[in-house]
Amino acid sequence: AKPGATAPATPRPVVLGMSIGPLDEATKTRLGVNGGVLVENVRADSDAAEQGLRRGVVITSVNDRPVNSAADVSALVDSARKAGRTGVLLNVRLAGQQASIVVKLN
């Protein structure tokens, strides 16, 4: 690597076809949420995209359990899969509105 080169960004975890990152305090304040994770990217061919999820959406809970990290989202999705569920309920903040969206487990 060249001196002064920036390290490549750590790849974000991908869950349900979405890249998920942490929410900083300024974003939490601006959106009026206490916690959650930020959707940074959505695969176009995913059910999440079909359900209207896109970059900038904040996921506040999965199956009514609060999430504050991509690991939280992954664990709740895995547990829903193990329980034989076909989808998960995401509570999201989208354009200032609270919404509940069911995303299929693939």
Protein backbone atom coordinates (compact mmCIF):
# COMPACT_ATOMS: atom_id res chain seq x y z
CA ALA A 1 0.00 0.00 0.00
CA LYS A 2 1.15 3.52 -0.72
CA PRO A 3 2.03 5.70 2.26
CA GLY A 4 -0.96 7.78 3.24
CA ALA A 5 -3.39 5.47 1.43
CA THR A 6 -6.61 4.97 3.32
CA ALA A 7 -7.46 1.46 4.39
CA PRO A 8 -10.36 -0.07 2.48
CA ALA A 9 -13.65 0.32 4.30
CA THR A 10 -14.68 -2.72 6.31
CA PRO A 11 -17.37 -4.52 4.36
CA ARG A 12 -20.76 -4.19 6.03
CA PRO A 13 -22.68 -7.32 7.01
CA VAL A 14 -25.36 -8.26 4.50
CA VAL A 15 -28.64 -9.49 5.98
CA LEU A 16 -31.78 -10.19 3.90
CA GLY A 17 -30.02 -8.63 0.91
CA MET A 18 -29.29 -5.39 2.78
CA SER A 19 -25.94 -3.94 3.86
CA ILE A 20 -26.42 -2.69 7.40
CA GLY A 21 -24.31 -0.22 9.36
CA PRO A 22 -24.41 1.50 12.73
CA LEU A 23 -26.41 4.65 13.47
CA ASP A 24 -24.44 7.59 14.81
CA GLU A 25 -25.81 9.83 17.54
CA ALA A 26 -26.45 12.76 15.17
CA THR A 27 -28.59 10.57 12.90
CA LYS A 28 -30.52 9.16 15.89
CA THR A 29 -31.27 12.70 17.06
CA ARG A 30 -32.25 13.90 13.58
CA LEU A 31 -34.61 10.97 13.07
CA GLY A 32 -35.95 10.95 16.61
CA VAL A 33 -35.01 7.33 17.31
CA ASN A 34 -33.25 5.85 20.34
CA GLY A 35 -31.57 3.03 18.46
CA GLY A 36 -31.57 1.00 15.31
CA VAL A 37 -29.36 0.29 12.33
CA LEU A 38 -28.95 2.08 9.03
CA VAL A 39 -29.63 0.39 5.70
CA GLU A 40 -26.66 1.38 3.53
CA ASN A 41 -27.48 -0.61 0.42
CA VAL A 42 -30.17 -3.02 -0.82
CA ARG A 43 -29.69 -5.71 -3.45
CA ALA A 44 -32.12 -4.98 -6.28
CA ASP A 45 -33.23 -8.62 -6.54
CA SER A 46 -34.01 -8.99 -2.81
CA ASP A 47 -37.42 -9.14 -1.18
CA ALA A 48 -36.29 -6.19 0.97
CA ALA A 49 -36.04 -4.07 -2.21
CA GLU A 50 -39.46 -5.31 -3.37
CA GLN A 51 -40.92 -4.25 -0.02
CA GLY A 52 -39.60 -0.70 -0.52
CA LEU A 53 -36.53 -0.78 1.71
CA ARG A 54 -33.71 1.38 0.42
CA ARG A 55 -30.57 3.20 1.46
CA GLY A 56 -31.20 5.53 4.39
CA VAL A 57 -33.98 3.51 6.02
CA VAL A 58 -33.48 2.87 9.74
CA ILE A 59 -34.48 -0.55 11.10
CA THR A 60 -35.50 -0.12 14.74
CA SER A 61 -36.63 -3.67 15.50
CA VAL A 62 -36.90 -7.18 14.09
CA ASN A 63 -39.93 -9.23 15.20
CA ASP A 64 -40.58 -6.53 17.84
CA ARG A 65 -37.10 -6.95 19.38
CA PRO A 66 -34.99 -3.74 19.37
CA VAL A 67 -31.80 -3.82 17.29
CA ASN A 68 -28.67 -1.68 17.64
CA SER A 69 -26.17 -3.54 15.45
CA ALA A 70 -25.98 -5.69 12.35
CA ALA A 71 -25.18 -8.60 14.70
CA ASP A 72 -28.55 -8.06 16.45
CA VAL A 73 -30.36 -8.17 13.09
CA SER A 74 -28.44 -11.30 12.00
CA ALA A 75 -29.15 -13.12 15.27
CA LEU A 76 -32.90 -12.38 15.12
CA VAL A 77 -33.11 -13.39 11.44
CA ASP A 78 -31.22 -16.62 12.19
CA SER A 79 -33.49 -17.38 15.13
CA ALA A 80 -36.60 -16.80 12.95
CA ARG A 81 -35.15 -19.19 10.34
CA LYS A 82 -34.45 -21.85 12.99
CA ALA A 83 -38.03 -21.45 14.25
CA GLY A 84 -39.27 -22.24 10.72
CA ARG A 85 -40.61 -18.74 10.01
CA THR A 86 -40.99 -17.65 6.40
CA GLY A 87 -40.47 -13.96 7.08
CA VAL A 88 -39.51 -11.36 9.66
CA LEU A 89 -41.31 -8.19 10.71
CA LEU A 90 -39.09 -5.12 10.45
CA ASN A 91 -40.12 -1.91 12.18
CA VAL A 92 -38.52 0.87 10.18
CA ARG A 93 -38.27 4.63 10.03
CA LEU A 94 -38.72 5.76 6.46
CA ALA A 95 -38.97 9.42 5.43
CA GLY A 96 -39.93 10.40 8.98
CA GLN A 97 -42.70 7.80 9.16
CA GLN A 98 -42.76 4.63 11.24
CA ALA A 99 -43.71 1.55 9.21
CA SER A 100 -43.84 -2.22 9.68
CA ILE A 101 -42.66 -4.34 6.77
CA VAL A 102 -42.56 -8.11 6.42
CA VAL A 103 -39.51 -9.36 4.53
CA LYS A 104 -39.35 -12.97 3.34
CA LEU A 105 -36.53 -15.18 4.53
CA ASN A 106 -34.74 -16.65 1.54
